[in-house]
Structure formats: structure tokens, C-alpha cells
Amino acid sequence: MCGGKGTRLESPHEKPLHPIDGTAMIDRVLAALEGSRIETIAAAVSPNAPATRSHLEEHDGVATVETAGEGYVTDLLTVLERPELSPPLLTVAADLPLLEAAVVDRILAAHGDAEASRTVCVPVALKRRLGVSIETRLEADDHLAPTGVNVVGTTDESTTMTDVYDDPRLAVNVNRREDARLAADMLRDRTAEER
């Protein structure tokens, strides 16, 4: 899902193309998906992000689906209307630059063959501890924040499971400049630890 305007980020780049430690966020998310057991990658783009669409059209193995860019739910419904894309579908926001293939595979393994949809959340306390913005909560007084990763199940019912991960790789959605700085710092720290 990469068709949002990203106005809160105040970047000279479209939000999915905003660089985190030198690499566009969308490229970091694509690397995680490509390294996972995901078979097909389709990117929901919109008129809000024409440079992102062009960027993705140059990326082998990624199909683009044009949406109106009117919001997550509306854009997702457009994606679900495509006959070549049928549930279960893993949806991932383009603003998760810390996402890794192992995390994607863990979410897919938790889903298994379930027919219900899944919302992947992190504790609000984790986001506070990391110092990243909290843009939404599952419910107004809830202690869970959605991550931007979901599985759209095969059932027509409104059954949705909620999975909670205490994982910084899912907790850092880059919505503001400070989020981008924190994500870059965390990536540099991870690289230093791997050496």
C-alpha cells in the first residue's frame, strides 16, 4: 500500500520514496517481501504518488494496481476487485522501513490456513519506548497500535483476528521526520551489531 500523500512527513520526496539511511522506504519493504515466502507482489499506487508508480514499474516482479488514493480501506477494496489477486492477501504499508523477511514469514506462519483476516498490532508502550509517533490505535482507549501489516482472509464474514508482536521492526511507521530519523538510527545500530 503505497499511494498516500505523506504530508505529515514534510519530505521533498513522495512518502514511499523517502530515503531511510540512503534507501527509499518502499525498496526496504520490497526487499523484505522478496526475501520472504511471498509469491506475488502487487503495489497499490495512486495519483498522489506518481514518482512511486514510475519507480515501482521499473522494479522487476512488482505489478502495480492503480487506486484512487482516497484512503487505506477504499484502496484495499480496489485491490480486492482485481481477479488476479485473491485472498488471502498480505497487505503491508510502505512506511515500515525496518520490516524484514523473517518477520513477514512469522506473520504468514501464524496465519497458516486460517480463513479469517488478521490485524497485526504492537503495544502502544513499545512505540512510546522507541519514541515513534502513534498515529492510530485499534480502539480509542486501546493499548494496541496497528502496524500497517494485515492479512485479508478468504471468509466473507467480518471475523478479524488480532496478533500482537512486541517487535520494533513492526513498530516504526515513518509518518513524521522524527520517525525517519529514529528508523535510520535503528538501521545503523543493527548494521553495527551485525559486524
N, C-alpha and C. Protein backbone atom coordinates (compact mmCIF):
# COMPACT_ATOMS: atom_id res chain seq x y z
N MET A 1 0.87 -1.15 0.00
CA MET A 1 0.00 0.00 0.00
C MET A 1 0.92 1.23 0.00
N CYS A 2 0.98 1.89 -1.15
CA CYS A 2 1.93 3.00 -1.25
C CYS A 2 1.38 4.16 -2.07
N GLY A 3 0.13 4.52 -1.81
CA GLY A 3 -0.46 5.58 -2.59
C GLY A 3 -0.82 6.82 -1.80
N GLY A 4 -0.37 6.88 -0.53
CA GLY A 4 -0.71 8.03 0.31
C GLY A 4 0.11 9.26 -0.01
N LYS A 5 -0.36 10.41 0.43
CA LYS A 5 0.32 11.67 0.17
C LYS A 5 1.54 11.86 1.06
N GLY A 6 1.45 11.44 2.32
CA GLY A 6 2.58 11.59 3.22
C GLY A 6 2.87 13.01 3.63
N THR A 7 1.85 13.85 3.77
CA THR A 7 2.06 15.26 4.08
C THR A 7 2.67 15.47 5.46
N ARG A 8 2.39 14.60 6.43
CA ARG A 8 2.94 14.77 7.79
C ARG A 8 4.46 14.59 7.82
N LEU A 9 5.00 13.86 6.85
CA LEU A 9 6.44 13.61 6.81
C LEU A 9 7.22 14.86 6.41
N GLU A 10 6.58 15.77 5.70
CA GLU A 10 7.22 17.01 5.26
C GLU A 10 8.53 16.74 4.52
N SER A 11 8.45 15.82 3.58
CA SER A 11 9.63 15.41 2.81
C SER A 11 9.57 15.99 1.41
N PRO A 12 10.73 16.26 0.80
CA PRO A 12 10.71 16.68 -0.60
C PRO A 12 10.41 15.50 -1.53
N HIS A 13 10.35 14.28 -0.97
CA HIS A 13 10.07 13.07 -1.73
C HIS A 13 8.65 12.60 -1.42
N GLU A 14 8.07 11.84 -2.34
CA GLU A 14 6.84 11.14 -2.01
C GLU A 14 7.15 10.19 -0.86
N LYS A 15 6.20 9.98 0.01
CA LYS A 15 6.46 9.20 1.22
C LYS A 15 7.12 7.85 0.95
N PRO A 16 6.63 7.02 0.03
CA PRO A 16 7.29 5.72 -0.18
C PRO A 16 8.74 5.85 -0.67
N LEU A 17 9.06 6.97 -1.30
CA LEU A 17 10.41 7.17 -1.82
C LEU A 17 11.33 7.90 -0.85
N HIS A 18 10.79 8.29 0.30
CA HIS A 18 11.63 8.99 1.29
C HIS A 18 12.75 8.04 1.73
N PRO A 19 14.01 8.51 1.63
CA PRO A 19 15.12 7.62 1.98
C PRO A 19 15.31 7.49 3.50
N ILE A 20 15.54 6.27 3.91
CA ILE A 20 15.91 5.96 5.29
C ILE A 20 17.31 5.35 5.22
N ASP A 21 18.27 6.06 5.75
CA ASP A 21 19.67 5.65 5.68
C ASP A 21 20.08 5.36 4.23
N GLY A 22 19.63 6.23 3.31
CA GLY A 22 20.06 6.16 1.92
C GLY A 22 19.23 5.30 0.99
N THR A 23 18.23 4.61 1.51
CA THR A 23 17.41 3.72 0.68
C THR A 23 15.94 4.08 0.84
N ALA A 24 15.23 4.18 -0.28
CA ALA A 24 13.80 4.52 -0.24
C ALA A 24 13.05 3.50 0.61
N MET A 25 12.09 3.99 1.40
CA MET A 25 11.32 3.09 2.26
C MET A 25 10.68 1.96 1.47
N ILE A 26 10.13 2.27 0.30
CA ILE A 26 9.46 1.23 -0.49
C ILE A 26 10.45 0.14 -0.90
N ASP A 27 11.70 0.50 -1.17
CA ASP A 27 12.70 -0.50 -1.54
C ASP A 27 13.05 -1.39 -0.34
N ARG A 28 13.04 -0.83 0.85
CA ARG A 28 13.29 -1.64 2.05
C ARG A 28 12.15 -2.64 2.27
N VAL A 29 10.91 -2.17 2.07
CA VAL A 29 9.75 -3.07 2.23
C VAL A 29 9.78 -4.15 1.14
N LEU A 30 10.08 -3.76 -0.09
CA LEU A 30 10.16 -4.75 -1.17
C LEU A 30 11.23 -5.80 -0.90
N ALA A 31 12.37 -5.40 -0.35
CA ALA A 31 13.43 -6.36 -0.03
C ALA A 31 12.94 -7.37 1.00
N ALA A 32 12.19 -6.91 1.98
CA ALA A 32 11.63 -7.82 2.99
C ALA A 32 10.65 -8.80 2.35
N LEU A 33 9.79 -8.30 1.48
CA LEU A 33 8.81 -9.16 0.83
C LEU A 33 9.48 -10.15 -0.12
N GLU A 34 10.45 -9.67 -0.88
CA GLU A 34 11.15 -10.54 -1.83
C GLU A 34 11.95 -11.63 -1.13
N GLY A 35 12.43 -11.35 0.07
CA GLY A 35 13.19 -12.34 0.83
C GLY A 35 12.32 -13.31 1.60
N SER A 36 11.02 -13.04 1.62
CA SER A 36 10.07 -13.88 2.36
C SER A 36 9.50 -14.95 1.44
N ARG A 37 8.54 -15.70 1.96
CA ARG A 37 7.91 -16.73 1.14
C ARG A 37 6.72 -16.21 0.32
N ILE A 38 6.55 -14.90 0.27
CA ILE A 38 5.52 -14.29 -0.57
C ILE A 38 5.78 -14.67 -2.02
N GLU A 39 4.72 -15.02 -2.75
CA GLU A 39 4.87 -15.46 -4.14
C GLU A 39 4.68 -14.33 -5.15
N THR A 40 3.73 -13.44 -4.88
CA THR A 40 3.39 -12.38 -5.82
C THR A 40 3.36 -11.05 -5.08
N ILE A 41 3.94 -10.02 -5.69
CA ILE A 41 3.94 -8.69 -5.08
C ILE A 41 3.22 -7.73 -6.02
N ALA A 42 2.19 -7.08 -5.47
CA ALA A 42 1.47 -6.04 -6.21
C ALA A 42 1.46 -4.80 -5.34
N ALA A 43 1.75 -3.67 -5.93
CA ALA A 43 1.79 -2.41 -5.18
C ALA A 43 0.59 -1.55 -5.54
N ALA A 44 -0.16 -1.13 -4.52
CA ALA A 44 -1.29 -0.23 -4.72
C ALA A 44 -0.75 1.19 -4.80
N VAL A 45 -0.87 1.79 -5.97
CA VAL A 45 -0.37 3.15 -6.21
C VAL A 45 -1.56 4.07 -6.50
N SER A 46 -1.30 5.36 -6.50
CA SER A 46 -2.39 6.30 -6.73
C SER A 46 -1.86 7.57 -7.39
N PRO A 47 -2.76 8.45 -7.81
CA PRO A 47 -2.32 9.74 -8.37
C PRO A 47 -1.56 10.58 -7.34
N ASN A 48 -1.66 10.27 -6.06
CA ASN A 48 -0.92 11.01 -5.03
C ASN A 48 0.58 10.77 -5.10
N ALA A 49 1.00 9.69 -5.76
CA ALA A 49 2.42 9.33 -5.75
C ALA A 49 2.86 8.84 -7.13
N PRO A 50 2.88 9.72 -8.13
CA PRO A 50 3.25 9.28 -9.49
C PRO A 50 4.71 8.83 -9.62
N ALA A 51 5.61 9.45 -8.88
CA ALA A 51 7.01 9.04 -8.94
C ALA A 51 7.19 7.64 -8.34
N THR A 52 6.40 7.33 -7.33
CA THR A 52 6.45 5.99 -6.73
C THR A 52 5.98 4.97 -7.76
N ARG A 53 4.89 5.28 -8.47
CA ARG A 53 4.41 4.37 -9.51
C ARG A 53 5.51 4.12 -10.53
N SER A 54 6.14 5.18 -11.02
CA SER A 54 7.21 5.03 -12.01
C SER A 54 8.36 4.20 -11.46
N HIS A 55 8.72 4.45 -10.22
CA HIS A 55 9.80 3.71 -9.57
C HIS A 55 9.46 2.22 -9.51
N LEU A 56 8.25 1.91 -9.13
CA LEU A 56 7.85 0.50 -9.00
C LEU A 56 7.71 -0.19 -10.35
N GLU A 57 7.29 0.54 -11.37
CA GLU A 57 7.16 -0.05 -12.70
C GLU A 57 8.51 -0.46 -13.27
N GLU A 58 9.59 0.12 -12.76
CA GLU A 58 10.95 -0.25 -13.18
C GLU A 58 11.49 -1.44 -12.38
N HIS A 59 10.78 -1.85 -11.35
CA HIS A 59 11.22 -2.92 -10.46
C HIS A 59 10.66 -4.25 -10.96
N ASP A 60 11.53 -5.17 -11.36
CA ASP A 60 11.07 -6.47 -11.85
C ASP A 60 10.29 -7.22 -10.77
N GLY A 61 9.24 -7.87 -11.20
CA GLY A 61 8.48 -8.73 -10.29
C GLY A 61 7.44 -8.02 -9.46
N VAL A 62 7.21 -6.72 -9.71
CA VAL A 62 6.21 -5.98 -8.94
C VAL A 62 5.17 -5.44 -9.91
N ALA A 63 3.93 -5.89 -9.73
CA ALA A 63 2.83 -5.35 -10.52
C ALA A 63 2.26 -4.15 -9.78
N THR A 64 1.75 -3.17 -10.50
CA THR A 64 1.12 -2.03 -9.85
C THR A 64 -0.38 -2.08 -10.09
N VAL A 65 -1.12 -1.67 -9.07
CA VAL A 65 -2.58 -1.59 -9.14
C VAL A 65 -2.94 -0.15 -8.86
N GLU A 66 -3.56 0.52 -9.83
CA GLU A 66 -3.94 1.92 -9.67
C GLU A 66 -5.18 2.02 -8.78
N THR A 67 -5.09 2.86 -7.75
CA THR A 67 -6.21 3.13 -6.86
C THR A 67 -6.47 4.64 -6.87
N ALA A 68 -7.54 5.05 -6.22
CA ALA A 68 -7.90 6.47 -6.18
C ALA A 68 -7.07 7.24 -5.16
N GLY A 69 -6.43 6.54 -4.22
CA GLY A 69 -5.66 7.23 -3.19
C GLY A 69 -6.55 7.93 -2.19
N GLU A 70 -7.72 7.38 -1.94
CA GLU A 70 -8.68 8.01 -1.02
C GLU A 70 -8.62 7.44 0.39
N GLY A 71 -7.65 6.59 0.66
CA GLY A 71 -7.52 6.01 1.98
C GLY A 71 -7.32 4.51 1.91
N TYR A 72 -6.84 3.96 3.01
CA TYR A 72 -6.48 2.55 3.07
C TYR A 72 -7.64 1.64 2.67
N VAL A 73 -8.79 1.80 3.28
CA VAL A 73 -9.91 0.88 3.04
C VAL A 73 -10.38 0.97 1.59
N THR A 74 -10.56 2.17 1.09
CA THR A 74 -11.01 2.35 -0.29
C THR A 74 -10.01 1.76 -1.27
N ASP A 75 -8.72 2.03 -1.04
CA ASP A 75 -7.69 1.50 -1.92
C ASP A 75 -7.62 -0.03 -1.84
N LEU A 76 -7.77 -0.57 -0.64
CA LEU A 76 -7.75 -2.03 -0.48
C LEU A 76 -8.92 -2.67 -1.23
N LEU A 77 -10.08 -2.07 -1.16
CA LEU A 77 -11.24 -2.60 -1.89
C LEU A 77 -10.98 -2.62 -3.39
N THR A 78 -10.29 -1.61 -3.89
CA THR A 78 -9.91 -1.58 -5.31
C THR A 78 -8.99 -2.75 -5.64
N VAL A 79 -8.02 -3.00 -4.77
CA VAL A 79 -7.09 -4.12 -4.96
C VAL A 79 -7.87 -5.44 -4.98
N LEU A 80 -8.80 -5.59 -4.05
CA LEU A 80 -9.55 -6.85 -3.94
C LEU A 80 -10.47 -7.10 -5.13
N GLU A 81 -10.78 -6.06 -5.89
CA GLU A 81 -11.60 -6.22 -7.09
C GLU A 81 -10.83 -6.84 -8.25
N ARG A 82 -9.50 -6.87 -8.15
CA ARG A 82 -8.67 -7.42 -9.21
C ARG A 82 -8.75 -8.94 -9.19
N PRO A 83 -9.21 -9.57 -10.27
CA PRO A 83 -9.39 -11.03 -10.26
C PRO A 83 -8.09 -11.81 -10.10
N GLU A 84 -6.97 -11.23 -10.50
CA GLU A 84 -5.69 -11.94 -10.37
C GLU A 84 -5.14 -11.90 -8.94
N LEU A 85 -5.75 -11.10 -8.08
CA LEU A 85 -5.33 -11.00 -6.68
C LEU A 85 -6.47 -11.46 -5.79
N SER A 86 -6.34 -12.65 -5.26
CA SER A 86 -7.42 -13.17 -4.44
C SER A 86 -6.90 -13.50 -3.04
N PRO A 87 -7.76 -13.36 -2.04
CA PRO A 87 -7.37 -13.67 -0.66
C PRO A 87 -6.96 -15.13 -0.51
N PRO A 88 -6.11 -15.41 0.45
CA PRO A 88 -5.59 -14.46 1.43
C PRO A 88 -4.51 -13.56 0.82
N LEU A 89 -4.56 -12.29 1.22
CA LEU A 89 -3.58 -11.30 0.78
C LEU A 89 -2.90 -10.69 2.00
N LEU A 90 -1.60 -10.59 1.94
CA LEU A 90 -0.86 -9.86 2.96
C LEU A 90 -0.76 -8.43 2.48
N THR A 91 -1.20 -7.48 3.30
CA THR A 91 -1.05 -6.08 2.93
C THR A 91 0.00 -5.46 3.84
N VAL A 92 0.85 -4.63 3.26
CA VAL A 92 1.94 -4.01 4.00
C VAL A 92 2.02 -2.54 3.61
N ALA A 93 2.07 -1.68 4.59
CA ALA A 93 2.24 -0.25 4.34
C ALA A 93 3.68 0.02 3.90
N ALA A 94 3.85 0.99 3.05
CA ALA A 94 5.17 1.34 2.53
C ALA A 94 6.03 2.06 3.55
N ASP A 95 5.47 2.39 4.71
CA ASP A 95 6.22 3.19 5.69
C ASP A 95 6.83 2.36 6.82
N LEU A 96 7.15 1.09 6.53
CA LEU A 96 7.76 0.20 7.53
C LEU A 96 9.19 -0.16 7.12
N PRO A 97 10.13 0.77 7.19
CA PRO A 97 11.47 0.53 6.66
C PRO A 97 12.29 -0.49 7.44
N LEU A 98 11.86 -0.89 8.64
CA LEU A 98 12.60 -1.88 9.42
C LEU A 98 12.11 -3.31 9.19
N LEU A 99 11.07 -3.47 8.39
CA LEU A 99 10.49 -4.78 8.12
C LEU A 99 11.55 -5.71 7.54
N GLU A 100 11.51 -6.96 7.95
CA GLU A 100 12.45 -7.97 7.45
C GLU A 100 11.68 -9.21 7.01
N ALA A 101 12.29 -9.99 6.12
CA ALA A 101 11.66 -11.19 5.59
C ALA A 101 11.25 -12.15 6.71
N ALA A 102 12.08 -12.30 7.73
CA ALA A 102 11.76 -13.23 8.82
C ALA A 102 10.48 -12.82 9.54
N VAL A 103 10.25 -11.52 9.67
CA VAL A 103 9.03 -11.03 10.32
C VAL A 103 7.82 -11.35 9.44
N VAL A 104 7.95 -11.12 8.14
CA VAL A 104 6.86 -11.43 7.21
C VAL A 104 6.53 -12.92 7.29
N ASP A 105 7.55 -13.76 7.27
CA ASP A 105 7.33 -15.21 7.32
C ASP A 105 6.68 -15.64 8.63
N ARG A 106 7.05 -14.99 9.73
CA ARG A 106 6.44 -15.32 11.02
C ARG A 106 4.95 -14.97 11.02
N ILE A 107 4.59 -13.84 10.42
CA ILE A 107 3.18 -13.45 10.32
C ILE A 107 2.42 -14.44 9.45
N LEU A 108 3.01 -14.83 8.33
CA LEU A 108 2.36 -15.79 7.44
C LEU A 108 2.20 -17.15 8.12
N ALA A 109 3.21 -17.57 8.88
CA ALA A 109 3.11 -18.85 9.59
C ALA A 109 2.01 -18.80 10.65
N ALA A 110 1.88 -17.67 11.33
CA ALA A 110 0.82 -17.52 12.34
C ALA A 110 -0.55 -17.59 11.68
N HIS A 111 -0.66 -17.06 10.47
CA HIS A 111 -1.94 -17.08 9.76
C HIS A 111 -2.27 -18.50 9.31
N GLY A 112 -1.26 -19.22 8.80
CA GLY A 112 -1.48 -20.59 8.35
C GLY A 112 -2.57 -20.66 7.30
N ASP A 113 -3.50 -21.58 7.50
CA ASP A 113 -4.60 -21.77 6.56
C ASP A 113 -5.89 -21.14 7.05
N ALA A 114 -5.80 -20.23 8.00
CA ALA A 114 -6.99 -19.61 8.56
C ALA A 114 -7.76 -18.86 7.48
N GLU A 115 -9.07 -18.82 7.63
CA GLU A 115 -9.90 -18.10 6.69
C GLU A 115 -10.16 -16.66 7.12
N ALA A 116 -10.02 -16.40 8.41
CA ALA A 116 -10.28 -15.07 8.94
C ALA A 116 -9.19 -14.10 8.51
N SER A 117 -9.49 -12.83 8.63
CA SER A 117 -8.48 -11.79 8.39
C SER A 117 -7.70 -11.57 9.68
N ARG A 118 -6.52 -10.94 9.55
CA ARG A 118 -5.68 -10.67 10.71
C ARG A 118 -5.23 -9.22 10.67
N THR A 119 -5.21 -8.60 11.84
CA THR A 119 -4.61 -7.29 12.01
C THR A 119 -3.39 -7.47 12.89
N VAL A 120 -2.26 -7.02 12.42
CA VAL A 120 -1.01 -7.14 13.18
C VAL A 120 -0.80 -5.84 13.94
N CYS A 121 -0.65 -5.96 15.26
CA CYS A 121 -0.50 -4.80 16.14
C CYS A 121 0.76 -4.91 16.97
N VAL A 122 1.15 -3.77 17.52
CA VAL A 122 2.22 -3.71 18.52
C VAL A 122 1.66 -2.98 19.73
N PRO A 123 2.25 -3.21 20.90
CA PRO A 123 1.81 -2.44 22.07
C PRO A 123 2.14 -0.96 21.90
N VAL A 124 1.22 -0.10 22.28
CA VAL A 124 1.47 1.34 22.27
C VAL A 124 2.69 1.66 23.13
N ALA A 125 2.87 0.91 24.21
CA ALA A 125 4.02 1.13 25.10
C ALA A 125 5.34 0.94 24.35
N LEU A 126 5.40 0.01 23.41
CA LEU A 126 6.62 -0.19 22.62
C LEU A 126 6.89 1.04 21.75
N LYS A 127 5.87 1.55 21.10
CA LYS A 127 6.05 2.75 20.28
C LYS A 127 6.52 3.93 21.13
N ARG A 128 5.95 4.06 22.32
CA ARG A 128 6.39 5.13 23.23
C ARG A 128 7.85 4.94 23.63
N ARG A 129 8.21 3.71 23.98
CA ARG A 129 9.58 3.42 24.40
C ARG A 129 10.58 3.75 23.28
N LEU A 130 10.20 3.47 22.04
CA LEU A 130 11.07 3.75 20.90
C LEU A 130 11.08 5.24 20.53
N GLY A 131 10.04 5.96 20.95
CA GLY A 131 9.95 7.39 20.65
C GLY A 131 9.34 7.70 19.30
N VAL A 132 8.62 6.74 18.70
CA VAL A 132 7.99 6.98 17.40
C VAL A 132 6.55 7.44 17.58
N SER A 133 6.03 8.07 16.55
CA SER A 133 4.67 8.61 16.62
C SER A 133 3.64 7.49 16.72
N ILE A 134 2.54 7.83 17.36
CA ILE A 134 1.40 6.91 17.47
C ILE A 134 0.25 7.58 16.74
N GLU A 135 0.02 7.17 15.51
CA GLU A 135 -0.98 7.82 14.68
C GLU A 135 -2.37 7.23 14.89
N THR A 136 -2.43 5.92 15.11
CA THR A 136 -3.73 5.27 15.30
C THR A 136 -3.61 4.21 16.38
N ARG A 137 -4.75 3.90 16.96
CA ARG A 137 -4.86 2.81 17.92
C ARG A 137 -5.99 1.92 17.44
N LEU A 138 -5.96 0.68 17.89
CA LEU A 138 -7.01 -0.24 17.47
C LEU A 138 -8.37 0.30 17.87
N GLU A 139 -8.48 0.80 19.09
CA GLU A 139 -9.67 1.49 19.57
C GLU A 139 -9.19 2.72 20.33
N ALA A 140 -10.03 3.69 20.50
CA ALA A 140 -9.62 4.98 21.09
C ALA A 140 -8.88 4.82 22.41
N ASP A 141 -9.33 3.93 23.28
CA ASP A 141 -8.70 3.78 24.59
C ASP A 141 -7.85 2.51 24.68
N ASP A 142 -7.49 1.96 23.52
CA ASP A 142 -6.78 0.69 23.49
C ASP A 142 -5.27 0.88 23.65
N HIS A 143 -4.62 -0.17 24.09
CA HIS A 143 -3.16 -0.15 24.27
C HIS A 143 -2.45 -0.78 23.07
N LEU A 144 -3.17 -1.02 21.97
CA LEU A 144 -2.58 -1.62 20.78
C LEU A 144 -2.63 -0.64 19.60
N ALA A 145 -1.55 -0.64 18.82
CA ALA A 145 -1.48 0.19 17.61
C ALA A 145 -1.32 -0.72 16.40
N PRO A 146 -2.15 -0.54 15.36
CA PRO A 146 -1.96 -1.32 14.15
C PRO A 146 -0.63 -0.97 13.49
N THR A 147 -0.01 -1.96 12.85
CA THR A 147 1.32 -1.77 12.28
C THR A 147 1.31 -1.36 10.81
N GLY A 148 0.21 -1.62 10.13
CA GLY A 148 0.20 -1.44 8.68
C GLY A 148 0.41 -2.76 7.96
N VAL A 149 0.46 -3.86 8.73
CA VAL A 149 0.54 -5.19 8.15
C VAL A 149 -0.76 -5.91 8.51
N ASN A 150 -1.40 -6.46 7.49
CA ASN A 150 -2.66 -7.19 7.70
C ASN A 150 -2.71 -8.37 6.75
N VAL A 151 -3.54 -9.34 7.11
CA VAL A 151 -3.85 -10.43 6.18
C VAL A 151 -5.34 -10.35 5.93
N VAL A 152 -5.70 -10.21 4.66
CA VAL A 152 -7.10 -10.22 4.27
C VAL A 152 -7.45 -11.67 3.97
N GLY A 153 -8.33 -12.22 4.80
CA GLY A 153 -8.67 -13.63 4.70
C GLY A 153 -9.65 -13.94 3.58
N THR A 154 -9.99 -15.21 3.51
CA THR A 154 -10.86 -15.70 2.44
C THR A 154 -12.33 -15.70 2.83
N THR A 155 -12.64 -15.52 4.09
CA THR A 155 -14.02 -15.57 4.53
C THR A 155 -14.72 -14.25 4.26
N ASP A 156 -15.99 -14.32 3.96
CA ASP A 156 -16.78 -13.12 3.74
C ASP A 156 -17.25 -12.50 5.05
N GLU A 157 -17.10 -13.25 6.13
CA GLU A 157 -17.53 -12.75 7.43
C GLU A 157 -16.59 -11.64 7.89
N SER A 158 -17.03 -10.89 8.87
CA SER A 158 -16.21 -9.79 9.37
C SER A 158 -15.29 -10.23 10.52
N THR A 159 -14.96 -11.52 10.54
CA THR A 159 -14.08 -12.04 11.58
C THR A 159 -12.66 -11.57 11.34
N THR A 160 -12.10 -10.90 12.32
CA THR A 160 -10.71 -10.46 12.23
C THR A 160 -10.00 -10.85 13.51
N MET A 161 -8.88 -11.51 13.35
CA MET A 161 -8.03 -11.88 14.47
C MET A 161 -7.05 -10.74 14.69
N THR A 162 -6.62 -10.57 15.92
CA THR A 162 -5.61 -9.56 16.23
C THR A 162 -4.37 -10.27 16.76
N ASP A 163 -3.25 -10.07 16.09
CA ASP A 163 -1.97 -10.62 16.53
C ASP A 163 -1.14 -9.48 17.08
N VAL A 164 -0.51 -9.71 18.23
CA VAL A 164 0.30 -8.67 18.87
C VAL A 164 1.76 -9.12 18.88
N TYR A 165 2.62 -8.28 18.35
CA TYR A 165 4.06 -8.54 18.30
C TYR A 165 4.77 -7.42 19.04
N ASP A 166 5.66 -7.78 19.94
CA ASP A 166 6.47 -6.79 20.65
C ASP A 166 7.80 -6.69 19.89
N ASP A 167 7.72 -6.15 18.68
CA ASP A 167 8.85 -6.17 17.75
C ASP A 167 9.05 -4.78 17.15
N PRO A 168 10.19 -4.15 17.42
CA PRO A 168 10.46 -2.81 16.87
C PRO A 168 10.39 -2.74 15.35
N ARG A 169 10.66 -3.86 14.67
CA ARG A 169 10.63 -3.86 13.21
C ARG A 169 9.23 -3.62 12.67
N LEU A 170 8.22 -3.87 13.51
CA LEU A 170 6.83 -3.61 13.13
C LEU A 170 6.30 -2.32 13.75
N ALA A 171 7.01 -1.77 14.70
CA ALA A 171 6.51 -0.62 15.47
C ALA A 171 6.86 0.73 14.85
N VAL A 172 7.82 0.75 13.94
CA VAL A 172 8.28 2.03 13.40
C VAL A 172 7.64 2.29 12.04
N ASN A 173 6.51 2.99 12.07
CA ASN A 173 5.90 3.52 10.85
C ASN A 173 6.42 4.94 10.70
N VAL A 174 6.97 5.25 9.56
CA VAL A 174 7.53 6.58 9.36
C VAL A 174 6.43 7.52 8.85
N ASN A 175 5.93 8.33 9.78
CA ASN A 175 4.90 9.31 9.45
C ASN A 175 5.40 10.74 9.59
N ARG A 176 6.45 10.92 10.35
CA ARG A 176 6.99 12.25 10.64
C ARG A 176 8.51 12.21 10.51
N ARG A 177 9.11 13.40 10.42
CA ARG A 177 10.57 13.50 10.29
C ARG A 177 11.31 12.77 11.41
N GLU A 178 10.81 12.92 12.64
CA GLU A 178 11.46 12.27 13.78
C GLU A 178 11.40 10.75 13.64
N ASP A 179 10.30 10.22 13.12
CA ASP A 179 10.21 8.77 12.89
C ASP A 179 11.28 8.32 11.89
N ALA A 180 11.49 9.12 10.84
CA ALA A 180 12.50 8.79 9.83
C ALA A 180 13.90 8.79 10.45
N ARG A 181 14.18 9.78 11.29
CA ARG A 181 15.49 9.83 11.94
C ARG A 181 15.70 8.64 12.85
N LEU A 182 14.68 8.29 13.64
CA LEU A 182 14.78 7.14 14.54
C LEU A 182 14.97 5.84 13.77
N ALA A 183 14.24 5.69 12.66
CA ALA A 183 14.39 4.48 11.83
C ALA A 183 15.81 4.37 11.28
N ALA A 184 16.36 5.48 10.80
CA ALA A 184 17.73 5.47 10.27
C ALA A 184 18.72 5.10 11.37
N ASP A 185 18.54 5.67 12.57
CA ASP A 185 19.42 5.34 13.70
C ASP A 185 19.34 3.86 14.04
N MET A 186 18.14 3.31 14.04
CA MET A 186 17.96 1.90 14.37
C MET A 186 18.60 1.00 13.32
N LEU A 187 18.50 1.38 12.05
CA LEU A 187 19.14 0.61 10.99
C LEU A 187 20.66 0.63 11.13
N ARG A 188 21.20 1.80 11.44
CA ARG A 188 22.66 1.91 11.62
C ARG A 188 23.11 1.08 12.83
N ASP A 189 22.33 1.12 13.90
CA ASP A 189 22.66 0.32 15.09
C ASP A 189 22.63 -1.17 14.76
N ARG A 190 21.63 -1.59 13.99
CA ARG A 190 21.52 -3.01 13.61
C ARG A 190 22.71 -3.42 12.76
N THR A 191 23.12 -2.56 11.82
CA THR A 191 24.26 -2.85 10.97
C THR A 191 25.54 -2.97 11.79
N ALA A 192 25.70 -2.07 12.77
CA ALA A 192 26.88 -2.11 13.64
C ALA A 192 26.90 -3.40 14.45
N GLU A 193 25.75 -3.83 14.93
CA GLU A 193 25.69 -5.07 15.73
C GLU A 193 26.03 -6.30 14.88
N GLU A 194 25.68 -6.27 13.60
CA GLU A 194 25.93 -7.42 12.71
C GLU A 194 27.40 -7.55 12.34
N ARG A 195 28.17 -6.49 12.53
CA ARG A 195 29.59 -6.52 12.16
C ARG A 195 30.39 -7.25 13.17
